[in-house]
């Protein structure tokens, strides 16, 4: 799965246009730089609780806009992806352990390839893909972005399930 995910992100290039460019990108970056934002997710305007969300000051900010979520990456995010790749590998191992565990509980020894494939593939698909639409539901992310990743989330389970079916005792 790890190798397959590398291929799917390097070769087809359909993930390349998952985001939009802001107008005057340099100006926006220059405007944000003095704030020294550390890596993380930001929401503005930020309420912090329901009481503030009902205040006139907060509602005025919302009406004036823009409303946005921003993810700030570390400065070396694109030049050094080692950390992300290690985390992705560990995540793949965790998904595989969950698929193996559920497969072992649902299938007896000697289960045929197709049953192993079906069970472990379904579990892996749920792990890789089913939470992705939440960003669109709650944060107005363009639906195309999670749809692309959900397509990947179909490809990865096929590799995972194929390996489990092949290696099943």
Foldseek 3Di string as FASTA:
>chain_A
DLVVVVCVVPPPCPLVPQDDQDPPNVVVCVVCVVVVDDFDKDWPPDQPDDVSCPDPVRVVDVVVDDTAMDGDDPPCVPVDVPVVSVVVVVLLVVLLVVLVVVLPVVDDAPDALVSLLVSSLVSQLCSQQVVLCVCCVPVVRDPVNSVVSSVVSNVVSNVSSNVCSVPGD
